[in-house]
């Protein structure tokens, strides 16, 4: 996350807290991915995309990739 810069990192953390952690149904947030990324979700945050998975037992977001939207799926 530090490679994105402190301002972008703060924006991403805040958005994930507001959209997922504060949600009654966090699995309703974010688009499901297909193909080689099946089982993962994608959240749009500004010009960046966060790819991750919500763990079943508790609301834990496992982030596997964060990058600018033109680079995130490469």
Protein backbone atom coordinates (compact mmCIF):
# COMPACT_ATOMS: atom_id res chain seq x y z
CA UNK A 1 0.00 0.00 0.00
CA UNK A 2 2.89 2.34 0.60
CA UNK A 3 3.72 2.26 -3.12
CA UNK A 4 0.41 3.98 -3.81
CA UNK A 5 1.27 6.91 -1.59
CA UNK A 6 -0.18 7.97 1.76
CA UNK A 7 -3.11 9.95 0.35
CA UNK A 8 -4.32 7.09 -1.87
CA UNK A 9 -3.74 4.53 0.89
CA UNK A 10 -5.85 6.57 3.31
CA UNK A 11 -8.59 6.94 0.69
CA UNK A 12 -8.65 3.17 0.10
CA UNK A 13 -8.73 2.24 3.79
CA UNK A 14 -11.48 4.76 4.51
CA UNK A 15 -13.58 3.54 1.57
CA UNK A 16 -13.23 -0.11 2.59
CA UNK A 17 -14.21 0.71 6.17
CA UNK A 18 -17.26 2.68 5.04
CA UNK A 19 -18.43 0.29 2.32
CA UNK A 20 -17.62 -3.11 3.78
CA UNK A 21 -16.97 -3.00 7.51
CA UNK A 22 -19.99 -0.78 8.18
CA UNK A 23 -22.31 -2.78 5.91
CA UNK A 24 -24.96 -5.15 7.25
CA UNK A 25 -24.15 -7.50 4.36
CA UNK A 26 -20.54 -6.94 3.26
CA UNK A 27 -20.83 -9.64 0.60
CA UNK A 28 -23.31 -7.46 -1.28
CA UNK A 29 -20.53 -4.94 -1.91
CA UNK A 30 -18.05 -5.21 -4.75
CA UNK A 31 -18.28 -7.01 -8.05
CA UNK A 32 -17.52 -10.71 -8.27
CA UNK A 33 -14.72 -11.56 -10.67
CA UNK A 34 -14.62 -14.44 -13.14
CA UNK A 35 -11.99 -16.48 -14.93
CA UNK A 36 -8.63 -16.79 -13.21
CA UNK A 37 -9.85 -14.35 -10.53
CA UNK A 38 -12.96 -16.39 -9.69
CA UNK A 39 -13.81 -16.28 -5.99
CA UNK A 40 -12.48 -12.75 -5.60
CA UNK A 41 -14.26 -9.41 -5.52
CA UNK A 42 -13.29 -6.07 -6.96
CA UNK A 43 -13.98 -2.72 -5.35
CA UNK A 44 -13.66 0.55 -7.27
CA UNK A 45 -12.08 3.32 -5.25
CA UNK A 46 -11.36 6.40 -7.30
CA UNK A 47 -8.95 5.49 -10.11
CA UNK A 48 -7.82 2.39 -8.23
CA UNK A 49 -9.14 -1.13 -7.89
CA UNK A 50 -8.84 -3.40 -4.89
CA UNK A 51 -9.04 -7.13 -5.54
CA UNK A 52 -9.73 -9.30 -2.54
CA UNK A 53 -11.92 -11.80 -0.81
CA UNK A 54 -14.19 -11.62 2.23
CA UNK A 55 -13.44 -14.44 4.66
CA UNK A 56 -16.49 -16.43 5.77
CA UNK A 57 -16.13 -16.72 9.54
CA UNK A 58 -15.80 -13.03 10.24
CA UNK A 59 -15.69 -9.89 8.17
CA UNK A 60 -12.07 -9.98 7.14
CA UNK A 61 -11.06 -8.57 3.78
CA UNK A 62 -8.04 -10.33 2.34
CA UNK A 63 -6.56 -7.90 -0.16
CA UNK A 64 -4.52 -9.62 -2.83
CA UNK A 65 -3.88 -6.70 -5.18
CA UNK A 66 -4.29 -2.94 -5.31
CA UNK A 67 -3.29 -0.89 -8.31
CA UNK A 68 -4.41 1.75 -10.75
CA UNK A 69 -7.34 0.51 -12.79
CA UNK A 70 -5.27 0.12 -15.98
CA UNK A 71 -2.77 -2.16 -14.20
CA UNK A 72 -4.73 -4.14 -11.62
CA UNK A 73 -5.60 -7.23 -13.72
CA UNK A 74 -2.23 -7.64 -15.49
